[in-house]
Amino acid sequence: GDILAQKGVDNGWAGVLMYGCIRDAKEISGMPLGVKALATI
């Protein structure tokens, strides 16, 4: 979700490839982080 994605941004991760779902898609779309996943829930 957005809180963990922000941790990734803050700690210098380039991206996340998730073989599963994410949430908070709107907030994550504005973060300087690559995120690919199957869907949202």
PDB file of all heavy atoms in Angstrom:
ATOM      1  N   GLY A   1       0.842  -1.189   0.000  1.00  0.00           N
ATOM      2  CA  GLY A   1       0.000   0.000   0.000  1.00  0.00           C
ATOM      3  C   GLY A   1       0.872   1.231   0.000  1.00  0.00           C
ATOM      4  O   GLY A   1       2.102   1.152  -0.109  1.00  0.00           O
ATOM      5  N   ASP A   2       0.231   2.393   0.151  1.00  0.00           N
ATOM      6  CA  ASP A   2       0.972   3.649   0.054  1.00  0.00           C
ATOM      7  C   ASP A   2       2.022   3.815   1.149  1.00  0.00           C
ATOM      8  O   ASP A   2       3.098   4.353   0.901  1.00  0.00           O
ATOM      9  CB  ASP A   2       0.023   4.846   0.023  1.00  0.00           C
ATOM     10  CG  ASP A   2      -0.869   4.971   1.254  1.00  0.00           C
ATOM     11  OD1 ASP A   2      -1.021   3.992   2.017  1.00  0.00           O
ATOM     12  OD2 ASP A   2      -1.435   6.071   1.448  1.00  0.00           O
ATOM     13  N   ILE A   3       1.767   3.329   2.348  1.00  0.00           N
ATOM     14  CA  ILE A   3       2.736   3.491   3.438  1.00  0.00           C
ATOM     15  C   ILE A   3       4.007   2.692   3.149  1.00  0.00           C
ATOM     16  O   ILE A   3       5.121   3.208   3.289  1.00  0.00           O
ATOM     17  CB  ILE A   3       2.108   3.099   4.797  1.00  0.00           C
ATOM     18  CG1 ILE A   3       1.001   4.094   5.147  1.00  0.00           C
ATOM     19  CG2 ILE A   3       3.176   3.045   5.895  1.00  0.00           C
ATOM     20  CD1 ILE A   3       0.155   3.689   6.338  1.00  0.00           C
ATOM     21  N   LEU A   4       3.846   1.436   2.727  1.00  0.00           N
ATOM     22  CA  LEU A   4       5.030   0.621   2.414  1.00  0.00           C
ATOM     23  C   LEU A   4       5.725   1.119   1.156  1.00  0.00           C
ATOM     24  O   LEU A   4       6.958   1.104   1.082  1.00  0.00           O
ATOM     25  CB  LEU A   4       4.655  -0.848   2.271  1.00  0.00           C
ATOM     26  CG  LEU A   4       4.121  -1.524   3.533  1.00  0.00           C
ATOM     27  CD1 LEU A   4       3.963  -3.016   3.305  1.00  0.00           C
ATOM     28  CD2 LEU A   4       5.005  -1.255   4.723  1.00  0.00           C
ATOM     29  N   ALA A   5       4.954   1.565   0.168  1.00  0.00           N
ATOM     30  CA  ALA A   5       5.575   2.115  -1.040  1.00  0.00           C
ATOM     31  C   ALA A   5       6.411   3.341  -0.695  1.00  0.00           C
ATOM     32  O   ALA A   5       7.522   3.515  -1.217  1.00  0.00           O
ATOM     33  CB  ALA A   5       4.507   2.466  -2.078  1.00  0.00           C
ATOM     34  N   GLN A   6       5.913   4.188   0.210  1.00  0.00           N
ATOM     35  CA  GLN A   6       6.680   5.364   0.619  1.00  0.00           C
ATOM     36  C   GLN A   6       7.958   4.955   1.340  1.00  0.00           C
ATOM     37  O   GLN A   6       8.996   5.594   1.172  1.00  0.00           O
ATOM     38  CB  GLN A   6       5.833   6.289   1.496  1.00  0.00           C
ATOM     39  CG  GLN A   6       6.515   7.603   1.819  1.00  0.00           C
ATOM     40  CD  GLN A   6       6.799   8.432   0.583  1.00  0.00           C
ATOM     41  OE1 GLN A   6       5.920   8.705  -0.219  1.00  0.00           O
ATOM     42  NE2 GLN A   6       8.072   8.824   0.403  1.00  0.00           N
ATOM     43  N   LYS A   7       7.907   3.875   2.126  1.00  0.00           N
ATOM     44  CA  LYS A   7       9.133   3.342   2.751  1.00  0.00           C
ATOM     45  C   LYS A   7      10.149   2.989   1.666  1.00  0.00           C
ATOM     46  O   LYS A   7      11.335   3.252   1.801  1.00  0.00           O
ATOM     47  CB  LYS A   7       8.833   2.093   3.579  1.00  0.00           C
ATOM     48  CG  LYS A   7       8.313   2.335   4.953  1.00  0.00           C
ATOM     49  CD  LYS A   7       8.173   0.993   5.670  1.00  0.00           C
ATOM     50  CE  LYS A   7       7.712   1.139   7.075  1.00  0.00           C
ATOM     51  NZ  LYS A   7       8.713   1.699   7.965  1.00  0.00           N
ATOM     52  N   GLY A   8       9.661   2.363   0.597  1.00  0.00           N
ATOM     53  CA  GLY A   8      10.542   2.009  -0.512  1.00  0.00           C
ATOM     54  C   GLY A   8      11.185   3.232  -1.139  1.00  0.00           C
ATOM     55  O   GLY A   8      12.391   3.245  -1.416  1.00  0.00           O
ATOM     56  N   VAL A   9      10.403   4.274  -1.352  1.00  0.00           N
ATOM     57  CA  VAL A   9      10.928   5.527  -1.907  1.00  0.00           C
ATOM     58  C   VAL A   9      11.973   6.108  -0.957  1.00  0.00           C
ATOM     59  O   VAL A   9      13.080   6.454  -1.366  1.00  0.00           O
ATOM     60  CB  VAL A   9       9.788   6.547  -2.146  1.00  0.00           C
ATOM     61  CG1 VAL A   9      10.349   7.926  -2.480  1.00  0.00           C
ATOM     62  CG2 VAL A   9       8.850   6.064  -3.236  1.00  0.00           C
ATOM     63  N   ASP A  10      11.611   6.205   0.313  1.00  0.00           N
ATOM     64  CA  ASP A  10      12.495   6.820   1.315  1.00  0.00           C
ATOM     65  C   ASP A  10      13.810   6.063   1.476  1.00  0.00           C
ATOM     66  O   ASP A  10      14.832   6.662   1.834  1.00  0.00           O
ATOM     67  CB  ASP A  10      11.800   6.900   2.677  1.00  0.00           C
ATOM     68  CG  ASP A  10      10.605   7.846   2.673  1.00  0.00           C
ATOM     69  OD1 ASP A  10      10.475   8.671   1.739  1.00  0.00           O
ATOM     70  OD2 ASP A  10       9.784   7.740   3.617  1.00  0.00           O
ATOM     71  N   ASN A  11      13.793   4.767   1.208  1.00  0.00           N
ATOM     72  CA  ASN A  11      14.986   3.940   1.410  1.00  0.00           C
ATOM     73  C   ASN A  11      15.716   3.589   0.117  1.00  0.00           C
ATOM     74  O   ASN A  11      16.606   2.740   0.120  1.00  0.00           O
ATOM     75  CB  ASN A  11      14.614   2.679   2.201  1.00  0.00           C
ATOM     76  CG  ASN A  11      14.317   3.007   3.638  1.00  0.00           C
ATOM     77  OD1 ASN A  11      15.144   3.589   4.334  1.00  0.00           O
ATOM     78  ND2 ASN A  11      13.118   2.683   4.094  1.00  0.00           N
ATOM     79  N   GLY A  12      15.358   4.228  -0.988  1.00  0.00           N
ATOM     80  CA  GLY A  12      16.139   4.092  -2.211  1.00  0.00           C
ATOM     81  C   GLY A  12      15.881   2.847  -3.046  1.00  0.00           C
ATOM     82  O   GLY A  12      16.759   2.425  -3.802  1.00  0.00           O
ATOM     83  N   TRP A  13      14.692   2.269  -2.963  1.00  0.00           N
ATOM     84  CA  TRP A  13      14.342   1.143  -3.829  1.00  0.00           C
ATOM     85  C   TRP A  13      13.934   1.682  -5.199  1.00  0.00           C
ATOM     86  O   TRP A  13      13.288   2.723  -5.307  1.00  0.00           O
ATOM     87  CB  TRP A  13      13.203   0.328  -3.217  1.00  0.00           C
ATOM     88  CG  TRP A  13      13.637  -0.448  -2.022  1.00  0.00           C
ATOM     89  CD1 TRP A  13      13.720  -0.001  -0.730  1.00  0.00           C
ATOM     90  CD2 TRP A  13      14.102  -1.794  -2.005  1.00  0.00           C
ATOM     91  NE1 TRP A  13      14.212  -0.993   0.083  1.00  0.00           N
ATOM     92  CE2 TRP A  13      14.448  -2.107  -0.671  1.00  0.00           C
ATOM     93  CE3 TRP A  13      14.264  -2.773  -2.986  1.00  0.00           C
ATOM     94  CZ2 TRP A  13      14.930  -3.354  -0.293  1.00  0.00           C
ATOM     95  CZ3 TRP A  13      14.742  -4.013  -2.605  1.00  0.00           C
ATOM     96  CH2 TRP A  13      15.079  -4.303  -1.280  1.00  0.00           C
ATOM     97  N   ALA A  14      14.311   0.969  -6.260  1.00  0.00           N
ATOM     98  CA  ALA A  14      13.943   1.391  -7.616  1.00  0.00           C
ATOM     99  C   ALA A  14      12.517   0.982  -7.951  1.00  0.00           C
ATOM    100  O   ALA A  14      11.833   1.673  -8.718  1.00  0.00           O
ATOM    101  CB  ALA A  14      14.904   0.786  -8.642  1.00  0.00           C
ATOM    102  N   GLY A  15      12.077  -0.159  -7.424  1.00  0.00           N
ATOM    103  CA  GLY A  15      10.742  -0.621  -7.766  1.00  0.00           C
ATOM    104  C   GLY A  15      10.352  -1.888  -7.040  1.00  0.00           C
ATOM    105  O   GLY A  15      11.147  -2.476  -6.294  1.00  0.00           O
ATOM    106  N   VAL A  16       9.097  -2.287  -7.292  1.00  0.00           N
ATOM    107  CA  VAL A  16       8.525  -3.502  -6.735  1.00  0.00           C
ATOM    108  C   VAL A  16       7.787  -4.226  -7.852  1.00  0.00           C
ATOM    109  O   VAL A  16       6.967  -3.618  -8.558  1.00  0.00           O
ATOM    110  CB  VAL A  16       7.530  -3.192  -5.589  1.00  0.00           C
ATOM    111  CG1 VAL A  16       6.883  -4.469  -5.067  1.00  0.00           C
ATOM    112  CG2 VAL A  16       8.208  -2.427  -4.460  1.00  0.00           C
ATOM    113  N   LEU A  17       8.084  -5.507  -8.016  1.00  0.00           N
ATOM    114  CA  LEU A  17       7.317  -6.372  -8.907  1.00  0.00           C
ATOM    115  C   LEU A  17       6.527  -7.310  -8.007  1.00  0.00           C
ATOM    116  O   LEU A  17       7.113  -8.137  -7.299  1.00  0.00           O
ATOM    117  CB  LEU A  17       8.236  -7.170  -9.835  1.00  0.00           C
ATOM    118  CG  LEU A  17       7.523  -8.129 -10.789  1.00  0.00           C
ATOM    119  CD1 LEU A  17       6.668  -7.363 -11.802  1.00  0.00           C
ATOM    120  CD2 LEU A  17       8.528  -9.020 -11.494  1.00  0.00           C
ATOM    121  N   MET A  18       5.196  -7.159  -8.008  1.00  0.00           N
ATOM    122  CA  MET A  18       4.328  -7.873  -7.078  1.00  0.00           C
ATOM    123  C   MET A  18       3.488  -8.911  -7.817  1.00  0.00           C
ATOM    124  O   MET A  18       2.614  -8.557  -8.606  1.00  0.00           O
ATOM    125  CB  MET A  18       3.407  -6.860  -6.384  1.00  0.00           C
ATOM    126  CG  MET A  18       2.418  -7.459  -5.415  1.00  0.00           C
ATOM    127  SD  MET A  18       3.193  -8.237  -3.988  1.00  0.00           S
ATOM    128  CE  MET A  18       3.894  -6.809  -3.168  1.00  0.00           C
ATOM    129  N   TYR A  19       3.776 -10.181  -7.545  1.00  0.00           N
ATOM    130  CA  TYR A  19       2.946 -11.263  -8.076  1.00  0.00           C
ATOM    131  C   TYR A  19       1.785 -11.442  -7.105  1.00  0.00           C
ATOM    132  O   TYR A  19       1.690 -12.403  -6.362  1.00  0.00           O
ATOM    133  CB  TYR A  19       3.770 -12.539  -8.243  1.00  0.00           C
ATOM    134  CG  TYR A  19       3.033 -13.666  -8.922  1.00  0.00           C
ATOM    135  CD1 TYR A  19       2.337 -13.467 -10.109  1.00  0.00           C
ATOM    136  CD2 TYR A  19       3.048 -14.945  -8.382  1.00  0.00           C
ATOM    137  CE1 TYR A  19       1.673 -14.508 -10.725  1.00  0.00           C
ATOM    138  CE2 TYR A  19       2.388 -15.990  -8.998  1.00  0.00           C
ATOM    139  CZ  TYR A  19       1.697 -15.762 -10.164  1.00  0.00           C
ATOM    140  OH  TYR A  19       1.033 -16.798 -10.779  1.00  0.00           O
ATOM    141  N   GLY A  20       0.939 -10.430  -7.093  1.00  0.00           N
ATOM    142  CA  GLY A  20      -0.200 -10.323  -6.204  1.00  0.00           C
ATOM    143  C   GLY A  20      -0.795  -8.941  -6.379  1.00  0.00           C
ATOM    144  O   GLY A  20      -0.596  -8.296  -7.404  1.00  0.00           O
ATOM    145  N   CYS A  21      -1.512  -8.475  -5.370  1.00  0.00           N
ATOM    146  CA  CYS A  21      -2.239  -7.203  -5.455  1.00  0.00           C
ATOM    147  C   CYS A  21      -1.611  -6.111  -4.599  1.00  0.00           C
ATOM    148  O   CYS A  21      -0.870  -6.383  -3.663  1.00  0.00           O
ATOM    149  CB  CYS A  21      -3.674  -7.408  -4.981  1.00  0.00           C
ATOM    150  SG  CYS A  21      -4.667  -8.448  -6.047  1.00  0.00           S
ATOM    151  N   ILE A  22      -1.984  -4.882  -4.950  1.00  0.00           N
ATOM    152  CA  ILE A  22      -1.636  -3.707  -4.160  1.00  0.00           C
ATOM    153  C   ILE A  22      -2.922  -2.956  -3.841  1.00  0.00           C
ATOM    154  O   ILE A  22      -3.998  -3.280  -4.356  1.00  0.00           O
ATOM    155  CB  ILE A  22      -0.655  -2.778  -4.901  1.00  0.00           C
ATOM    156  CG1 ILE A  22      -1.334  -2.115  -6.104  1.00  0.00           C
ATOM    157  CG2 ILE A  22       0.599  -3.518  -5.321  1.00  0.00           C
ATOM    158  CD1 ILE A  22      -0.698  -0.822  -6.532  1.00  0.00           C
ATOM    159  N   ARG A  23      -2.803  -1.935  -3.003  1.00  0.00           N
ATOM    160  CA  ARG A  23      -3.909  -1.012  -2.763  1.00  0.00           C
ATOM    161  C   ARG A  23      -3.340   0.402  -2.716  1.00  0.00           C
ATOM    162  O   ARG A  23      -2.138   0.588  -2.829  1.00  0.00           O
ATOM    163  CB  ARG A  23      -4.667  -1.364  -1.487  1.00  0.00           C
ATOM    164  CG  ARG A  23      -3.891  -1.196  -0.208  1.00  0.00           C
ATOM    165  CD  ARG A  23      -4.699  -1.733   0.947  1.00  0.00           C
ATOM    166  NE  ARG A  23      -4.282  -1.151   2.211  1.00  0.00           N
ATOM    167  CZ  ARG A  23      -5.008  -1.201   3.301  1.00  0.00           C
ATOM    168  NH1 ARG A  23      -6.181  -1.797   3.302  1.00  0.00           N
ATOM    169  NH2 ARG A  23      -4.566  -0.660   4.414  1.00  0.00           N
ATOM    170  N   ASP A  24      -4.201   1.388  -2.566  1.00  0.00           N
ATOM    171  CA  ASP A  24      -3.776   2.798  -2.574  1.00  0.00           C
ATOM    172  C   ASP A  24      -3.123   3.160  -3.909  1.00  0.00           C
ATOM    173  O   ASP A  24      -2.125   3.891  -3.968  1.00  0.00           O
ATOM    174  CB  ASP A  24      -2.816   3.093  -1.409  1.00  0.00           C
ATOM    175  CG  ASP A  24      -3.400   2.745  -0.051  1.00  0.00           C
ATOM    176  OD1 ASP A  24      -4.573   3.100   0.198  1.00  0.00           O
ATOM    177  OD2 ASP A  24      -2.690   2.123   0.758  1.00  0.00           O
ATOM    178  N   ALA A  25      -3.703   2.666  -4.991  1.00  0.00           N
ATOM    179  CA  ALA A  25      -3.125   2.841  -6.323  1.00  0.00           C
ATOM    180  C   ALA A  25      -2.970   4.316  -6.707  1.00  0.00           C
ATOM    181  O   ALA A  25      -1.972   4.685  -7.316  1.00  0.00           O
ATOM    182  CB  ALA A  25      -3.965   2.110  -7.367  1.00  0.00           C
ATOM    183  N   LYS A  26      -3.919   5.153  -6.353  1.00  0.00           N
ATOM    184  CA  LYS A  26      -3.837   6.570  -6.713  1.00  0.00           C
ATOM    185  C   LYS A  26      -2.611   7.215  -6.069  1.00  0.00           C
ATOM    186  O   LYS A  26      -1.847   7.925  -6.735  1.00  0.00           O
ATOM    187  CB  LYS A  26      -5.119   7.287  -6.259  1.00  0.00           C
ATOM    188  CG  LYS A  26      -5.068   8.787  -6.373  1.00  0.00           C
ATOM    189  CD  LYS A  26      -5.508   9.235  -7.728  1.00  0.00           C
ATOM    190  CE  LYS A  26      -5.704  10.741  -7.754  1.00  0.00           C
ATOM    191  NZ  LYS A  26      -4.781  11.431  -8.573  1.00  0.00           N
ATOM    192  N   GLU A  27      -2.403   6.957  -4.790  1.00  0.00           N
ATOM    193  CA  GLU A  27      -1.260   7.543  -4.095  1.00  0.00           C
ATOM    194  C   GLU A  27       0.062   6.989  -4.636  1.00  0.00           C
ATOM    195  O   GLU A  27       1.021   7.730  -4.843  1.00  0.00           O
ATOM    196  CB  GLU A  27      -1.367   7.278  -2.586  1.00  0.00           C
ATOM    197  CG  GLU A  27      -2.496   8.022  -1.906  1.00  0.00           C
ATOM    198  CD  GLU A  27      -3.874   7.375  -2.094  1.00  0.00           C
ATOM    199  OE1 GLU A  27      -3.978   6.271  -2.659  1.00  0.00           O
ATOM    200  OE2 GLU A  27      -4.863   8.002  -1.686  1.00  0.00           O
ATOM    201  N   ILE A  28       0.114   5.698  -4.877  1.00  0.00           N
ATOM    202  CA  ILE A  28       1.333   5.071  -5.392  1.00  0.00           C
ATOM    203  C   ILE A  28       1.680   5.593  -6.777  1.00  0.00           C
ATOM    204  O   ILE A  28       2.851   5.750  -7.116  1.00  0.00           O
ATOM    205  CB  ILE A  28       1.200   3.529  -5.359  1.00  0.00           C
ATOM    206  CG1 ILE A  28       1.203   3.050  -3.893  1.00  0.00           C
ATOM    207  CG2 ILE A  28       2.313   2.852  -6.145  1.00  0.00           C
ATOM    208  CD1 ILE A  28       0.895   1.580  -3.713  1.00  0.00           C
ATOM    209  N   SER A  29       0.663   5.921  -7.573  1.00  0.00           N
ATOM    210  CA  SER A  29       0.923   6.424  -8.932  1.00  0.00           C
ATOM    211  C   SER A  29       1.674   7.752  -8.929  1.00  0.00           C
ATOM    212  O   SER A  29       2.302   8.100  -9.923  1.00  0.00           O
ATOM    213  CB  SER A  29      -0.392   6.568  -9.710  1.00  0.00           C
ATOM    214  OG  SER A  29      -1.140   7.683  -9.239  1.00  0.00           O
ATOM    215  N   GLY A  30       1.641   8.479  -7.830  1.00  0.00           N
ATOM    216  CA  GLY A  30       2.353   9.746  -7.738  1.00  0.00           C
ATOM    217  C   GLY A  30       3.724   9.648  -7.099  1.00  0.00           C
ATOM    218  O   GLY A  30       4.393  10.666  -6.914  1.00  0.00           O
ATOM    219  N   MET A  31       4.150   8.427  -6.764  1.00  0.00           N
ATOM    220  CA  MET A  31       5.440   8.245  -6.096  1.00  0.00           C
ATOM    221  C   MET A  31       6.545   7.914  -7.096  1.00  0.00           C
ATOM    222  O   MET A  31       6.290   7.219  -8.077  1.00  0.00           O
ATOM    223  CB  MET A  31       5.343   7.114  -5.068  1.00  0.00           C
ATOM    224  CG  MET A  31       4.421   7.412  -3.932  1.00  0.00           C
ATOM    225  SD  MET A  31       4.381   6.015  -2.772  1.00  0.00           S
ATOM    226  CE  MET A  31       3.152   6.588  -1.627  1.00  0.00           C
ATOM    227  N   PRO A  32       7.774   8.380  -6.836  1.00  0.00           N
ATOM    228  CA  PRO A  32       8.896   8.069  -7.728  1.00  0.00           C
ATOM    229  C   PRO A  32       9.414   6.650  -7.484  1.00  0.00           C
ATOM    230  O   PRO A  32      10.525   6.435  -7.008  1.00  0.00           O
ATOM    231  CB  PRO A  32       9.933   9.136  -7.376  1.00  0.00           C
ATOM    232  CG  PRO A  32       9.671   9.436  -5.931  1.00  0.00           C
ATOM    233  CD  PRO A  32       8.182   9.296  -5.757  1.00  0.00           C
ATOM    234  N   LEU A  33       8.565   5.677  -7.823  1.00  0.00           N
ATOM    235  CA  LEU A  33       8.853   4.269  -7.600  1.00  0.00           C
ATOM    236  C   LEU A  33       8.182   3.475  -8.705  1.00  0.00           C
ATOM    237  O   LEU A  33       7.037   3.766  -9.079  1.00  0.00           O
ATOM    238  CB  LEU A  33       8.277   3.840  -6.236  1.00  0.00           C
ATOM    239  CG  LEU A  33       8.507   2.406  -5.780  1.00  0.00           C
ATOM    240  CD1 LEU A  33       9.981   2.193  -5.398  1.00  0.00           C
ATOM    241  CD2 LEU A  33       7.604   2.079  -4.586  1.00  0.00           C
ATOM    242  N   GLY A  34       8.867   2.484  -9.243  1.00  0.00           N
ATOM    243  CA  GLY A  34       8.240   1.579 -10.192  1.00  0.00           C
ATOM    244  C   GLY A  34       7.448   0.535  -9.434  1.00  0.00           C
ATOM    245  O   GLY A  34       7.964  -0.052  -8.477  1.00  0.00           O
ATOM    246  N   VAL A  35       6.211   0.307  -9.816  1.00  0.00           N
ATOM    247  CA  VAL A  35       5.391  -0.734  -9.195  1.00  0.00           C
ATOM    248  C   VAL A  35       4.586  -1.424 -10.282  1.00  0.00           C
ATOM    249  O   VAL A  35       3.809  -0.787 -10.993  1.00  0.00           O
ATOM    250  CB  VAL A  35       4.426  -0.181  -8.117  1.00  0.00           C
ATOM    251  CG1 VAL A  35       3.541  -1.300  -7.557  1.00  0.00           C
ATOM    252  CG2 VAL A  35       5.191   0.505  -6.996  1.00  0.00           C
ATOM    253  N   LYS A  36       4.809  -2.718 -10.412  1.00  0.00           N
ATOM    254  CA  LYS A  36       3.998  -3.555 -11.295  1.00  0.00           C
ATOM    255  C   LYS A  36       3.364  -4.629 -10.427  1.00  0.00           C
ATOM    256  O   LYS A  36       4.022  -5.215  -9.569  1.00  0.00           O
ATOM    257  CB  LYS A  36       4.844  -4.193 -12.395  1.00  0.00           C
ATOM    258  CG  LYS A  36       5.274  -3.207 -13.475  1.00  0.00           C
ATOM    259  CD  LYS A  36       5.968  -3.936 -14.611  1.00  0.00           C
ATOM    260  CE  LYS A  36       6.394  -2.993 -15.707  1.00  0.00           C
ATOM    261  NZ  LYS A  36       5.340  -2.645 -16.641  1.00  0.00           N
ATOM    262  N   ALA A  37       2.072  -4.879 -10.654  1.00  0.00           N
ATOM    263  CA  ALA A  37       1.335  -5.876  -9.884  1.00  0.00           C
ATOM    264  C   ALA A  37       0.236  -6.449 -10.766  1.00  0.00           C
ATOM    265  O   ALA A  37       0.005  -5.971 -11.879  1.00  0.00           O
ATOM    266  CB  ALA A  37       0.751  -5.247  -8.626  1.00  0.00           C
ATOM    267  N   LEU A  38      -0.445  -7.458 -10.243  1.00  0.00           N
ATOM    268  CA  LEU A  38      -1.527  -8.085 -11.002  1.00  0.00           C
ATOM    269  C   LEU A  38      -2.799  -7.245 -10.999  1.00  0.00           C
ATOM    270  O   LEU A  38      -3.484  -7.159 -12.009  1.00  0.00           O
ATOM    271  CB  LEU A  38      -1.838  -9.475 -10.426  1.00  0.00           C
ATOM    272  CG  LEU A  38      -0.708 -10.492 -10.478  1.00  0.00           C
ATOM    273  CD1 LEU A  38      -1.151 -11.808  -9.837  1.00  0.00           C
ATOM    274  CD2 LEU A  38      -0.243 -10.727 -11.910  1.00  0.00           C
ATOM    275  N   ALA A  39      -3.138  -6.648  -9.842  1.00  0.00           N
ATOM    276  CA  ALA A  39      -4.400  -5.926  -9.705  1.00  0.00           C
ATOM    277  C   ALA A  39      -4.387  -5.121  -8.417  1.00  0.00           C
ATOM    278  O   ALA A  39      -3.394  -5.125  -7.683  1.00  0.00           O
ATOM    279  CB  ALA A  39      -5.564  -6.927  -9.692  1.00  0.00           C
ATOM    280  N   THR A  40      -5.513  -4.465  -8.151  1.00  0.00           N
ATOM    281  CA  THR A  40      -5.700  -3.757  -6.889  1.00  0.00           C
ATOM    282  C   THR A  40      -6.872  -4.371  -6.134  1.00  0.00           C
ATOM    283  O   THR A  40      -7.776  -4.958  -6.722  1.00  0.00           O
ATOM    284  CB  THR A  40      -5.990  -2.262  -7.111  1.00  0.00           C
ATOM    285  OG1 THR A  40      -7.194  -2.136  -7.872  1.00  0.00           O
ATOM    286  CG2 THR A  40      -4.849  -1.575  -7.824  1.00  0.00           C
ATOM    287  N   ILE A  41      -6.823  -4.216  -4.817  1.00  0.00           N
ATOM    288  CA  ILE A  41      -7.909  -4.644  -3.931  1.00  0.00           C
ATOM    289  C   ILE A  41      -7.752  -3.852  -2.641  1.00  0.00           C
ATOM    290  O   ILE A  41      -6.632  -3.611  -2.189  1.00  0.00           O
ATOM    291  CB  ILE A  41      -7.858  -6.181  -3.687  1.00  0.00           C
ATOM    292  CG1 ILE A  41      -9.107  -6.667  -2.955  1.00  0.00           C
ATOM    293  CG2 ILE A  41      -6.583  -6.577  -2.955  1.00  0.00           C
ATOM    294  CD1 ILE A  41      -9.234  -8.196  -2.915  1.00  0.00           C
TER     295      ILE A  41
END
